[in-house]
Amino acid sequence: MEQPNKAKTSKSSAIQKRCKHCKYRFRGAKSKVYCSDTCRYAAGNAKQRNNTEKRLFRAQGSAFFYWVAQQVIRSGSLQILEGHTLTTMIDLYNLFKDSIKMNGTGSTDRLYVLSHIYAANPDSSSEAIGALFADNLIICPALDNQRHSNAFKEGAGRSISRRSLKHEHHVSEDESPKSVIKRIVSFLGDDFVEKVVVKAKIQPTARVKLFAWFEANGIKAPASSVSTQQLQALKDKHMGKEGKGFSYKLKAYTPTEVYLAEMERLNASEEAQLYLKGVIWLSLVDIPHEVIAKAHMVCFKWLHQEIPDATPHLAHFLKSYIDIATLVDDTDYASFDSSLPY
């Protein structure tokens, strides 16, 4: 008796192709791109190395790690970064990013700086140096920071004992930021820096990217003294594009806005915050400049942990002009004109 027809299992016919990794010809299924598991694993490792190189390039060419390198040089030790976790490093990056934003897009003047609570490099009589963590830094007007100089309150902020400093982590004043960045990456570890870059979405500066573009395309790069705008225009010319230039959109914060943001970040009392909101709101009214300057100095001292409570001092200077009981905390203060000096 004739058996019924059985469906035949179809198999992908082997075809000749080139291995995506070693480039040798082999015969295999249409979906197969590697000639062997060895090549497949090698390709995966190569991809991982390539991703690592790209992420480390993003770190080493970023404004953030350049700033970190400057702080390390200033303090004289890589150990100011000791003990960072992914969370604390992201906090530090976000604070740095906020300081850039507060200065306004395209600003060449550093109106606001990151100031240490425990001094970065106090005189030799101090037993410690300031650690580079967000909880040891505040954003404040550059002029206020200059007046404050290198003074600090012993025991305030976060510090690291001089006795714990190791010679192999010493950084001299004449080391270049570029070489110090490489040492920072080595100190923190490639894996850790990669995670920071990915989590924070850190990118190299526009200037670093432009120089990398010239190198990748075999074009002799201009002198390092050329401005970023000129570099962009030269790249556009090579690509046959008309330069678009740069558009600056963000205005710089006012000093009061900066102090309010930092008082909120470090959990100042609600009354202290309301006094500053009142200054922003009532800046359209006549509050004497010297009164606001004194209020700012109160904020500076509280943020640097030099006084235990800012509220009574702010009340002393501002209560004649601001009745915080009448202020509504959900007022849209951002809708008021912030173009005035204070």
C-alpha atoms as a PDB file:
ATOM      1  CA  MET A   1       0.000   0.000   0.000  1.00  0.00           C
ATOM      2  CA  GLU A   2       1.332   3.393  -0.954  1.00  0.00           C
ATOM      3  CA  GLN A   3       2.339   5.558   1.985  1.00  0.00           C
ATOM      4  CA  PRO A   4       0.873   9.116   2.159  1.00  0.00           C
ATOM      5  CA  ASN A   5       3.185  11.944   1.193  1.00  0.00           C
ATOM      6  CA  LYS A   6       5.011  13.511   4.146  1.00  0.00           C
ATOM      7  CA  ALA A   7       5.993  17.150   4.160  1.00  0.00           C
ATOM      8  CA  LYS A   8       9.683  17.511   3.720  1.00  0.00           C
ATOM      9  CA  THR A   9      11.567  19.751   6.154  1.00  0.00           C
ATOM     10  CA  SER A  10      13.068  22.672   4.262  1.00  0.00           C
ATOM     11  CA  LYS A  11      16.631  23.589   5.084  1.00  0.00           C
ATOM     12  CA  SER A  12      18.382  26.808   4.206  1.00  0.00           C
ATOM     13  CA  SER A  13      20.672  26.038   1.341  1.00  0.00           C
ATOM     14  CA  ALA A  14      24.295  26.831   2.113  1.00  0.00           C
ATOM     15  CA  ILE A  15      25.678  29.774   0.192  1.00  0.00           C
ATOM     16  CA  GLN A  16      29.159  31.182  -0.142  1.00  0.00           C
ATOM     17  CA  LYS A  17      29.827  34.394   1.752  1.00  0.00           C
ATOM     18  CA  ARG A  18      32.519  36.343   3.603  1.00  0.00           C
ATOM     19  CA  CYS A  19      32.859  36.205   7.386  1.00  0.00           C
ATOM     20  CA  LYS A  20      31.962  39.591   8.861  1.00  0.00           C
ATOM     21  CA  HIS A  21      34.947  39.390  11.222  1.00  0.00           C
ATOM     22  CA  CYS A  22      37.883  37.568   9.557  1.00  0.00           C
ATOM     23  CA  LYS A  23      36.721  38.225   5.949  1.00  0.00           C
ATOM     24  CA  TYR A  24      37.491  34.645   4.812  1.00  0.00           C
ATOM     25  CA  ARG A  25      35.017  32.938   2.501  1.00  0.00           C
ATOM     26  CA  PHE A  26      32.838  30.167   3.922  1.00  0.00           C
ATOM     27  CA  ARG A  27      29.656  28.291   3.080  1.00  0.00           C
ATOM     28  CA  GLY A  28      26.723  28.607   5.433  1.00  0.00           C
ATOM     29  CA  ALA A  29      23.087  29.513   5.931  1.00  0.00           C
ATOM     30  CA  LYS A  30      21.888  32.877   4.644  1.00  0.00           C
ATOM     31  CA  SER A  31      21.390  34.182   8.194  1.00  0.00           C
ATOM     32  CA  LYS A  32      24.903  33.271   9.308  1.00  0.00           C
ATOM     33  CA  VAL A  33      27.393  36.156   9.243  1.00  0.00           C
ATOM     34  CA  TYR A  34      30.392  34.601  11.013  1.00  0.00           C
ATOM     35  CA  CYS A  35      32.311  31.533   9.879  1.00  0.00           C
ATOM     36  CA  SER A  36      32.672  30.181  13.419  1.00  0.00           C
ATOM     37  CA  ASP A  37      31.852  30.803  17.075  1.00  0.00           C
ATOM     38  CA  THR A  38      35.434  31.992  17.507  1.00  0.00           C
ATOM     39  CA  CYS A  39      34.852  34.830  15.048  1.00  0.00           C
ATOM     40  CA  ARG A  40      31.460  35.613  16.560  1.00  0.00           C
ATOM     41  CA  TYR A  41      32.959  35.992  20.051  1.00  0.00           C
ATOM     42  CA  ALA A  42      35.922  37.973  18.702  1.00  0.00           C
ATOM     43  CA  ALA A  43      33.564  40.364  16.907  1.00  0.00           C
ATOM     44  CA  GLY A  44      31.567  40.861  20.096  1.00  0.00           C
ATOM     45  CA  ASN A  45      34.740  41.654  22.049  1.00  0.00           C
ATOM     46  CA  ALA A  46      35.902  44.068  19.344  1.00  0.00           C
ATOM     47  CA  LYS A  47      32.541  45.855  19.471  1.00  0.00           C
ATOM     48  CA  GLN A  48      32.797  46.150  23.250  1.00  0.00           C
ATOM     49  CA  ARG A  49      36.325  47.583  22.980  1.00  0.00           C
ATOM     50  CA  ASN A  50      35.129  50.046  20.373  1.00  0.00           C
ATOM     51  CA  ASN A  51      32.240  51.161  22.609  1.00  0.00           C
ATOM     52  CA  THR A  52      34.646  51.557  25.526  1.00  0.00           C
ATOM     53  CA  GLU A  53      37.018  53.689  23.439  1.00  0.00           C
ATOM     54  CA  LYS A  54      34.143  55.907  22.297  1.00  0.00           C
ATOM     55  CA  ARG A  55      32.857  56.405  25.828  1.00  0.00           C
ATOM     56  CA  LEU A  56      36.298  57.179  27.223  1.00  0.00           C
ATOM     57  CA  PHE A  57      36.804  59.651  24.379  1.00  0.00           C
ATOM     58  CA  ARG A  58      33.552  61.317  25.392  1.00  0.00           C
ATOM     59  CA  ALA A  59      34.802  61.566  28.970  1.00  0.00           C
ATOM     60  CA  GLN A  60      38.309  62.767  28.149  1.00  0.00           C
ATOM     61  CA  GLY A  61      37.027  65.418  25.757  1.00  0.00           C
ATOM     62  CA  SER A  62      34.234  66.729  27.990  1.00  0.00           C
ATOM     63  CA  ALA A  63      34.082  70.045  29.820  1.00  0.00           C
ATOM     64  CA  PHE A  64      33.122  68.173  32.991  1.00  0.00           C
ATOM     65  CA  PHE A  65      36.234  65.997  33.199  1.00  0.00           C
ATOM     66  CA  TYR A  66      38.394  68.976  32.211  1.00  0.00           C
ATOM     67  CA  TRP A  67      36.945  70.860  35.180  1.00  0.00           C
ATOM     68  CA  VAL A  68      37.483  67.839  37.456  1.00  0.00           C
ATOM     69  CA  ALA A  69      41.122  67.739  36.301  1.00  0.00           C
ATOM     70  CA  GLN A  70      41.527  71.424  37.178  1.00  0.00           C
ATOM     71  CA  GLN A  71      40.203  70.749  40.677  1.00  0.00           C
ATOM     72  CA  VAL A  72      42.531  67.779  41.093  1.00  0.00           C
ATOM     73  CA  ILE A  73      45.517  69.920  40.048  1.00  0.00           C
ATOM     74  CA  ARG A  74      44.421  72.627  42.452  1.00  0.00           C
ATOM     75  CA  SER A  75      44.169  70.211  45.378  1.00  0.00           C
ATOM     76  CA  GLY A  76      47.296  68.255  44.448  1.00  0.00           C
ATOM     77  CA  SER A  77      45.782  64.778  44.776  1.00  0.00           C
ATOM     78  CA  LEU A  78      43.580  62.349  42.865  1.00  0.00           C
ATOM     79  CA  GLN A  79      42.235  61.227  46.223  1.00  0.00           C
ATOM     80  CA  ILE A  80      39.753  64.093  46.368  1.00  0.00           C
ATOM     81  CA  LEU A  81      37.695  61.719  44.161  1.00  0.00           C
ATOM     82  CA  GLU A  82      38.080  58.768  46.517  1.00  0.00           C
ATOM     83  CA  GLY A  83      34.841  57.076  47.569  1.00  0.00           C
ATOM     84  CA  HIS A  84      32.664  58.205  44.663  1.00  0.00           C
ATOM     85  CA  THR A  85      29.742  55.999  43.688  1.00  0.00           C
ATOM     86  CA  LEU A  86      27.829  56.263  40.431  1.00  0.00           C
ATOM     87  CA  THR A  87      25.139  58.274  42.242  1.00  0.00           C
ATOM     88  CA  THR A  88      27.544  60.777  43.840  1.00  0.00           C
ATOM     89  CA  MET A  89      29.438  61.271  40.572  1.00  0.00           C
ATOM     90  CA  ILE A  90      26.176  61.953  38.725  1.00  0.00           C
ATOM     91  CA  ASP A  91      25.264  64.453  41.484  1.00  0.00           C
ATOM     92  CA  LEU A  92      28.609  66.177  40.924  1.00  0.00           C
ATOM     93  CA  TYR A  93      28.062  66.271  37.172  1.00  0.00           C
ATOM     94  CA  ASN A  94      24.543  67.680  37.556  1.00  0.00           C
ATOM     95  CA  LEU A  95      25.825  70.426  39.856  1.00  0.00           C
ATOM     96  CA  PHE A  96      28.543  71.291  37.332  1.00  0.00           C
ATOM     97  CA  LYS A  97      25.922  71.364  34.559  1.00  0.00           C
ATOM     98  CA  ASP A  98      23.696  73.650  36.649  1.00  0.00           C
ATOM     99  CA  SER A  99      26.592  76.077  37.147  1.00  0.00           C
ATOM    100  CA  ILE A 100      27.080  76.246  33.366  1.00  0.00           C
ATOM    101  CA  LYS A 101      23.363  76.857  32.851  1.00  0.00           C
ATOM    102  CA  MET A 102      23.277  79.609  35.464  1.00  0.00           C
ATOM    103  CA  ASN A 103      26.051  81.444  33.628  1.00  0.00           C
ATOM    104  CA  GLY A 104      23.881  81.550  30.509  1.00  0.00           C
ATOM    105  CA  THR A 105      24.446  79.960  27.121  1.00  0.00           C
ATOM    106  CA  GLY A 106      27.393  81.444  25.291  1.00  0.00           C
ATOM    107  CA  SER A 107      28.623  83.452  28.257  1.00  0.00           C
ATOM    108  CA  THR A 108      32.377  84.100  28.218  1.00  0.00           C
ATOM    109  CA  ASP A 109      32.368  85.634  31.689  1.00  0.00           C
ATOM    110  CA  ARG A 110      32.146  83.250  34.621  1.00  0.00           C
ATOM    111  CA  LEU A 111      29.538  85.077  36.683  1.00  0.00           C
ATOM    112  CA  TYR A 112      29.020  82.049  38.924  1.00  0.00           C
ATOM    113  CA  VAL A 113      31.504  79.445  40.115  1.00  0.00           C
ATOM    114  CA  LEU A 114      31.561  76.261  42.126  1.00  0.00           C
ATOM    115  CA  SER A 115      32.924  77.128  45.547  1.00  0.00           C
ATOM    116  CA  HIS A 116      34.236  74.607  48.093  1.00  0.00           C
ATOM    117  CA  ILE A 117      32.697  74.427  51.561  1.00  0.00           C
ATOM    118  CA  TYR A 118      35.824  72.772  52.949  1.00  0.00           C
ATOM    119  CA  ALA A 119      38.640  74.492  51.043  1.00  0.00           C
ATOM    120  CA  ALA A 120      40.172  72.586  48.127  1.00  0.00           C
ATOM    121  CA  ASN A 121      43.731  73.395  49.157  1.00  0.00           C
ATOM    122  CA  PRO A 122      43.867  75.181  52.514  1.00  0.00           C
ATOM    123  CA  ASP A 123      47.144  76.304  54.054  1.00  0.00           C
ATOM    124  CA  SER A 124      49.474  73.714  55.544  1.00  0.00           C
ATOM    125  CA  SER A 125      48.119  74.295  59.069  1.00  0.00           C
ATOM    126  CA  SER A 126      44.945  72.414  58.094  1.00  0.00           C
ATOM    127  CA  GLU A 127      44.948  68.650  58.597  1.00  0.00           C
ATOM    128  CA  ALA A 128      42.768  67.973  55.548  1.00  0.00           C
ATOM    129  CA  ILE A 129      41.851  69.051  52.010  1.00  0.00           C
ATOM    130  CA  GLY A 130      38.389  69.423  50.514  1.00  0.00           C
ATOM    131  CA  ALA A 131      36.875  66.443  48.683  1.00  0.00           C
ATOM    132  CA  LEU A 132      35.319  66.900  45.239  1.00  0.00           C
ATOM    133  CA  PHE A 133      31.704  65.952  45.964  1.00  0.00           C
ATOM    134  CA  ALA A 134      28.467  67.841  45.357  1.00  0.00           C
ATOM    135  CA  ASP A 135      27.858  68.093  49.101  1.00  0.00           C
ATOM    136  CA  ASN A 136      31.132  70.008  49.473  1.00  0.00           C
ATOM    137  CA  LEU A 137      30.354  72.527  46.730  1.00  0.00           C
ATOM    138  CA  ILE A 138      27.966  75.397  46.192  1.00  0.00           C
ATOM    139  CA  ILE A 139      27.249  77.580  43.180  1.00  0.00           C
ATOM    140  CA  CYS A 140      27.720  81.244  44.022  1.00  0.00           C
ATOM    141  CA  PRO A 141      28.634  84.574  42.388  1.00  0.00           C
ATOM    142  CA  ALA A 142      32.312  84.694  41.448  1.00  0.00           C
ATOM    143  CA  LEU A 143      32.768  88.073  43.176  1.00  0.00           C
ATOM    144  CA  ASP A 144      31.398  86.749  46.467  1.00  0.00           C
ATOM    145  CA  ASN A 145      33.726  83.770  46.224  1.00  0.00           C
ATOM    146  CA  GLN A 146      36.726  86.030  45.571  1.00  0.00           C
ATOM    147  CA  ARG A 147      35.900  88.132  48.630  1.00  0.00           C
ATOM    148  CA  HIS A 148      35.645  84.960  50.689  1.00  0.00           C
ATOM    149  CA  SER A 149      39.082  83.853  49.445  1.00  0.00           C
ATOM    150  CA  ASN A 150      40.294  80.489  50.823  1.00  0.00           C
ATOM    151  CA  ALA A 151      38.620  80.822  54.216  1.00  0.00           C
ATOM    152  CA  PHE A 152      36.482  77.999  55.561  1.00  0.00           C
ATOM    153  CA  LYS A 153      35.086  76.646  58.804  1.00  0.00           C
ATOM    154  CA  GLU A 154      37.020  73.647  60.136  1.00  0.00           C
ATOM    155  CA  GLY A 155      34.759  70.612  60.250  1.00  0.00           C
ATOM    156  CA  ALA A 156      32.327  71.927  57.628  1.00  0.00           C
ATOM    157  CA  GLY A 157      31.747  70.165  54.332  1.00  0.00           C
ATOM    158  CA  ARG A 158      33.555  67.007  53.236  1.00  0.00           C
ATOM    159  CA  SER A 159      37.297  66.533  53.508  1.00  0.00           C
ATOM    160  CA  ILE A 160      40.078  63.967  53.345  1.00  0.00           C
ATOM    161  CA  SER A 161      42.896  63.779  55.870  1.00  0.00           C
ATOM    162  CA  ARG A 162      46.326  64.834  54.640  1.00  0.00           C
ATOM    163  CA  ARG A 163      47.783  61.847  56.490  1.00  0.00           C
ATOM    164  CA  SER A 164      45.846  59.486  54.209  1.00  0.00           C
ATOM    165  CA  LEU A 165      47.244  61.020  51.005  1.00  0.00           C
ATOM    166  CA  LYS A 166      49.459  58.669  48.996  1.00  0.00           C
ATOM    167  CA  HIS A 167      52.456  59.752  46.968  1.00  0.00           C
ATOM    168  CA  GLU A 168      51.416  57.806  43.862  1.00  0.00           C
ATOM    169  CA  HIS A 169      48.227  59.877  43.658  1.00  0.00           C
ATOM    170  CA  HIS A 170      49.999  63.224  43.977  1.00  0.00           C
ATOM    171  CA  VAL A 171      49.370  65.676  41.132  1.00  0.00           C
ATOM    172  CA  SER A 172      51.789  68.533  40.514  1.00  0.00           C
ATOM    173  CA  GLU A 173      50.797  72.045  39.505  1.00  0.00           C
ATOM    174  CA  ASP A 174      52.564  71.820  36.147  1.00  0.00           C
ATOM    175  CA  GLU A 175      50.769  68.676  34.921  1.00  0.00           C
ATOM    176  CA  SER A 176      48.501  69.320  31.941  1.00  0.00           C
ATOM    177  CA  PRO A 177      44.747  68.809  32.347  1.00  0.00           C
ATOM    178  CA  LYS A 178      44.866  66.325  29.462  1.00  0.00           C
ATOM    179  CA  SER A 179      47.344  64.044  31.232  1.00  0.00           C
ATOM    180  CA  VAL A 180      45.521  64.448  34.548  1.00  0.00           C
ATOM    181  CA  ILE A 181      42.233  63.372  32.921  1.00  0.00           C
ATOM    182  CA  LYS A 182      43.914  60.112  31.863  1.00  0.00           C
ATOM    183  CA  ARG A 183      45.091  59.605  35.439  1.00  0.00           C
ATOM    184  CA  ILE A 184      41.569  60.316  36.718  1.00  0.00           C
ATOM    185  CA  VAL A 185      40.113  57.665  34.397  1.00  0.00           C
ATOM    186  CA  SER A 186      42.732  55.186  35.604  1.00  0.00           C
ATOM    187  CA  PHE A 187      42.083  56.127  39.258  1.00  0.00           C
ATOM    188  CA  LEU A 188      38.306  55.749  38.982  1.00  0.00           C
ATOM    189  CA  GLY A 189      38.468  52.769  36.598  1.00  0.00           C
ATOM    190  CA  ASP A 190      37.412  52.444  32.957  1.00  0.00           C
ATOM    191  CA  ASP A 191      34.205  50.589  33.847  1.00  0.00           C
ATOM    192  CA  PHE A 192      33.139  53.243  36.354  1.00  0.00           C
ATOM    193  CA  VAL A 193      33.860  56.130  33.971  1.00  0.00           C
ATOM    194  CA  GLU A 194      31.961  54.336  31.193  1.00  0.00           C
ATOM    195  CA  LYS A 195      28.908  54.022  33.449  1.00  0.00           C
ATOM    196  CA  VAL A 196      29.104  57.716  34.362  1.00  0.00           C
ATOM    197  CA  VAL A 197      29.343  58.714  30.689  1.00  0.00           C
ATOM    198  CA  VAL A 198      26.361  56.557  29.725  1.00  0.00           C
ATOM    199  CA  LYS A 199      24.198  57.511  32.721  1.00  0.00           C
ATOM    200  CA  ALA A 200      24.897  61.239  32.509  1.00  0.00           C
ATOM    201  CA  LYS A 201      25.005  61.282  28.680  1.00  0.00           C
ATOM    202  CA  ILE A 202      28.331  63.119  28.807  1.00  0.00           C
ATOM    203  CA  GLN A 203      29.606  64.350  25.465  1.00  0.00           C
ATOM    204  CA  PRO A 204      32.912  65.892  24.384  1.00  0.00           C
ATOM    205  CA  THR A 205      32.897  69.640  23.865  1.00  0.00           C
ATOM    206  CA  ALA A 206      32.054  71.025  20.432  1.00  0.00           C
ATOM    207  CA  ARG A 207      35.708  72.046  20.078  1.00  0.00           C
ATOM    208  CA  VAL A 208      37.017  68.523  20.771  1.00  0.00           C
ATOM    209  CA  LYS A 209      34.502  67.043  18.329  1.00  0.00           C
ATOM    210  CA  LEU A 210      35.583  69.477  15.612  1.00  0.00           C
ATOM    211  CA  PHE A 211      39.286  68.651  15.985  1.00  0.00           C
ATOM    212  CA  ALA A 212      38.381  64.935  15.929  1.00  0.00           C
ATOM    213  CA  TRP A 213      36.426  65.488  12.695  1.00  0.00           C
ATOM    214  CA  PHE A 214      39.451  67.109  11.004  1.00  0.00           C
ATOM    215  CA  GLU A 215      41.680  64.228  12.097  1.00  0.00           C
ATOM    216  CA  ALA A 216      39.196  61.525  11.028  1.00  0.00           C
ATOM    217  CA  ASN A 217      38.898  63.091   7.569  1.00  0.00           C
ATOM    218  CA  GLY A 218      42.633  63.488   7.062  1.00  0.00           C
ATOM    219  CA  ILE A 219      42.443  67.283   7.052  1.00  0.00           C
ATOM    220  CA  LYS A 220      45.209  69.272   8.685  1.00  0.00           C
ATOM    221  CA  ALA A 221      43.685  70.838  11.777  1.00  0.00           C
ATOM    222  CA  PRO A 222      43.997  74.595  12.301  1.00  0.00           C
ATOM    223  CA  ALA A 223      46.110  76.028  15.105  1.00  0.00           C
ATOM    224  CA  SER A 224      44.791  75.490  18.627  1.00  0.00           C
ATOM    225  CA  SER A 225      44.372  79.271  18.988  1.00  0.00           C
ATOM    226  CA  VAL A 226      41.523  79.261  16.443  1.00  0.00           C
ATOM    227  CA  SER A 227      38.125  79.828  18.059  1.00  0.00           C
ATOM    228  CA  THR A 228      35.397  77.197  18.115  1.00  0.00           C
ATOM    229  CA  GLN A 229      33.252  79.388  15.852  1.00  0.00           C
ATOM    230  CA  GLN A 230      36.075  79.578  13.295  1.00  0.00           C
ATOM    231  CA  LEU A 231      36.581  75.808  13.479  1.00  0.00           C
ATOM    232  CA  GLN A 232      32.894  75.246  12.788  1.00  0.00           C
ATOM    233  CA  ALA A 233      32.963  77.668   9.865  1.00  0.00           C
ATOM    234  CA  LEU A 234      36.009  75.879   8.410  1.00  0.00           C
ATOM    235  CA  LYS A 235      34.311  72.485   8.741  1.00  0.00           C
ATOM    236  CA  ASP A 236      31.188  73.878   7.045  1.00  0.00           C
ATOM    237  CA  LYS A 237      33.376  75.177   4.221  1.00  0.00           C
ATOM    238  CA  HIS A 238      34.985  71.758   3.721  1.00  0.00           C
ATOM    239  CA  MET A 239      31.532  70.170   3.643  1.00  0.00           C
ATOM    240  CA  GLY A 240      30.177  72.777   1.225  1.00  0.00           C
ATOM    241  CA  LYS A 241      27.726  74.100   3.743  1.00  0.00           C
ATOM    242  CA  GLU A 242      26.920  77.645   4.662  1.00  0.00           C
ATOM    243  CA  GLY A 243      27.841  78.260   8.297  1.00  0.00           C
ATOM    244  CA  LYS A 244      24.865  78.697  10.575  1.00  0.00           C
ATOM    245  CA  GLY A 245      26.804  80.277  13.407  1.00  0.00           C
ATOM    246  CA  PHE A 246      25.816  79.977  17.048  1.00  0.00           C
ATOM    247  CA  SER A 247      22.557  81.085  18.619  1.00  0.00           C
ATOM    248  CA  TYR A 248      22.548  81.898  22.303  1.00  0.00           C
ATOM    249  CA  LYS A 249      19.202  81.358  23.941  1.00  0.00           C
ATOM    250  CA  LEU A 250      19.638  81.089  27.689  1.00  0.00           C
ATOM    251  CA  LYS A 251      20.046  84.196  29.815  1.00  0.00           C
ATOM    252  CA  ALA A 252      22.247  84.120  32.876  1.00  0.00           C
ATOM    253  CA  TYR A 253      20.563  83.762  36.258  1.00  0.00           C
ATOM    254  CA  THR A 254      20.506  86.689  38.639  1.00  0.00           C
ATOM    255  CA  PRO A 255      22.532  86.298  41.870  1.00  0.00           C
ATOM    256  CA  THR A 256      19.325  86.002  43.906  1.00  0.00           C
ATOM    257  CA  GLU A 257      18.079  83.206  41.648  1.00  0.00           C
ATOM    258  CA  VAL A 258      21.379  81.362  42.077  1.00  0.00           C
ATOM    259  CA  TYR A 259      21.269  81.659  45.870  1.00  0.00           C
ATOM    260  CA  LEU A 260      17.628  80.562  45.946  1.00  0.00           C
ATOM    261  CA  ALA A 261      18.403  77.468  43.849  1.00  0.00           C
ATOM    262  CA  GLU A 262      21.276  76.513  46.162  1.00  0.00           C
ATOM    263  CA  MET A 263      19.260  77.222  49.330  1.00  0.00           C
ATOM    264  CA  GLU A 264      16.554  74.897  47.973  1.00  0.00           C
ATOM    265  CA  ARG A 265      19.115  72.200  47.053  1.00  0.00           C
ATOM    266  CA  LEU A 266      20.641  72.221  50.520  1.00  0.00           C
ATOM    267  CA  ASN A 267      17.291  72.407  52.327  1.00  0.00           C
ATOM    268  CA  ALA A 268      17.298  75.881  53.858  1.00  0.00           C
ATOM    269  CA  SER A 269      14.250  76.781  55.934  1.00  0.00           C
ATOM    270  CA  GLU A 270      11.036  77.634  54.119  1.00  0.00           C
ATOM    271  CA  GLU A 271      11.153  81.160  55.586  1.00  0.00           C
ATOM    272  CA  ALA A 272      14.657  81.758  54.218  1.00  0.00           C
ATOM    273  CA  GLN A 273      13.560  80.590  50.785  1.00  0.00           C
ATOM    274  CA  LEU A 274      10.486  82.832  50.907  1.00  0.00           C
ATOM    275  CA  TYR A 275      12.623  85.891  51.663  1.00  0.00           C
ATOM    276  CA  LEU A 276      14.677  85.208  48.535  1.00  0.00           C
ATOM    277  CA  LYS A 277      11.566  84.594  46.464  1.00  0.00           C
ATOM    278  CA  GLY A 278      10.292  87.912  47.773  1.00  0.00           C
ATOM    279  CA  VAL A 279      13.489  89.633  46.599  1.00  0.00           C
ATOM    280  CA  ILE A 280      12.962  88.185  43.113  1.00  0.00           C
ATOM    281  CA  TRP A 281       9.304  89.175  43.132  1.00  0.00           C
ATOM    282  CA  LEU A 282       9.807  92.627  44.574  1.00  0.00           C
ATOM    283  CA  SER A 283      12.885  93.469  42.517  1.00  0.00           C
ATOM    284  CA  LEU A 284      10.470  95.607  40.499  1.00  0.00           C
ATOM    285  CA  VAL A 285      10.095  97.700  43.652  1.00  0.00           C
ATOM    286  CA  ASP A 286      12.894  99.702  45.249  1.00  0.00           C
ATOM    287  CA  ILE A 287      14.922  97.451  47.544  1.00  0.00           C
ATOM    288  CA  PRO A 288      18.295  99.093  48.212  1.00  0.00           C
ATOM    289  CA  HIS A 289      21.223  97.402  46.521  1.00  0.00           C
ATOM    290  CA  GLU A 290      23.238  97.286  49.725  1.00  0.00           C
ATOM    291  CA  VAL A 291      20.398  95.493  51.539  1.00  0.00           C
ATOM    292  CA  ILE A 292      20.243  92.765  48.881  1.00  0.00           C
ATOM    293  CA  ALA A 293      24.048  92.448  48.916  1.00  0.00           C
ATOM    294  CA  LYS A 294      23.936  91.832  52.683  1.00  0.00           C
ATOM    295  CA  ALA A 295      21.182  89.245  52.227  1.00  0.00           C
ATOM    296  CA  HIS A 296      23.326  87.492  49.637  1.00  0.00           C
ATOM    297  CA  MET A 297      26.267  87.369  52.023  1.00  0.00           C
ATOM    298  CA  VAL A 298      24.004  85.735  54.627  1.00  0.00           C
ATOM    299  CA  CYS A 299      23.160  83.049  52.059  1.00  0.00           C
ATOM    300  CA  PHE A 300      26.837  82.615  51.199  1.00  0.00           C
ATOM    301  CA  LYS A 301      27.769  82.115  54.847  1.00  0.00           C
ATOM    302  CA  TRP A 302      24.917  79.679  55.486  1.00  0.00           C
ATOM    303  CA  LEU A 303      25.731  77.633  52.391  1.00  0.00           C
ATOM    304  CA  HIS A 304      29.357  77.437  53.557  1.00  0.00           C
ATOM    305  CA  GLN A 305      28.083  76.281  56.974  1.00  0.00           C
ATOM    306  CA  GLU A 306      29.546  79.327  58.714  1.00  0.00           C
ATOM    307  CA  ILE A 307      26.238  80.205  60.402  1.00  0.00           C
ATOM    308  CA  PRO A 308      23.648  77.681  61.678  1.00  0.00           C
ATOM    309  CA  ASP A 309      20.487  79.416  60.425  1.00  0.00           C
ATOM    310  CA  ALA A 310      20.041  82.030  57.694  1.00  0.00           C
ATOM    311  CA  THR A 311      16.449  82.902  58.546  1.00  0.00           C
ATOM    312  CA  PRO A 312      16.917  85.436  61.386  1.00  0.00           C
ATOM    313  CA  HIS A 313      19.679  87.234  59.477  1.00  0.00           C
ATOM    314  CA  LEU A 314      17.623  87.461  56.288  1.00  0.00           C
ATOM    315  CA  ALA A 315      14.676  88.702  58.349  1.00  0.00           C
ATOM    316  CA  HIS A 316      16.908  91.364  59.912  1.00  0.00           C
ATOM    317  CA  PHE A 317      17.804  92.810  56.516  1.00  0.00           C
ATOM    318  CA  LEU A 318      14.617  92.171  54.529  1.00  0.00           C
ATOM    319  CA  LYS A 319      11.617  92.235  56.856  1.00  0.00           C
ATOM    320  CA  SER A 320      11.184  96.005  56.330  1.00  0.00           C
ATOM    321  CA  TYR A 321      10.620  95.317  52.617  1.00  0.00           C
ATOM    322  CA  ILE A 322       9.098  91.824  52.511  1.00  0.00           C
ATOM    323  CA  ASP A 323       6.251  90.337  54.531  1.00  0.00           C
ATOM    324  CA  ILE A 324       6.686  86.628  53.887  1.00  0.00           C
ATOM    325  CA  ALA A 325       3.296  85.911  55.451  1.00  0.00           C
ATOM    326  CA  THR A 326       1.685  87.544  52.416  1.00  0.00           C
ATOM    327  CA  LEU A 327       3.738  85.585  49.872  1.00  0.00           C
ATOM    328  CA  VAL A 328       2.092  82.646  48.161  1.00  0.00           C
ATOM    329  CA  ASP A 329       4.619  79.840  47.829  1.00  0.00           C
ATOM    330  CA  ASP A 330       3.270  78.666  44.466  1.00  0.00           C
ATOM    331  CA  THR A 331       3.634  82.118  42.863  1.00  0.00           C
ATOM    332  CA  ASP A 332       5.208  81.851  39.425  1.00  0.00           C
ATOM    333  CA  TYR A 333       8.246  83.963  40.245  1.00  0.00           C
ATOM    334  CA  ALA A 334       9.825  83.059  36.921  1.00  0.00           C
ATOM    335  CA  SER A 335       7.188  85.201  35.187  1.00  0.00           C
ATOM    336  CA  PHE A 336       8.684  88.360  36.653  1.00  0.00           C
ATOM    337  CA  ASP A 337      11.413  90.333  34.924  1.00  0.00           C
ATOM    338  CA  SER A 338      14.800  88.874  35.869  1.00  0.00           C
ATOM    339  CA  SER A 339      16.888  91.210  33.740  1.00  0.00           C
ATOM    340  CA  LEU A 340      17.628  93.556  36.627  1.00  0.00           C
ATOM    341  CA  PRO A 341      20.931  93.266  38.494  1.00  0.00           C
ATOM    342  CA  TYR A 342      19.166  91.647  41.498  1.00  0.00           C
END
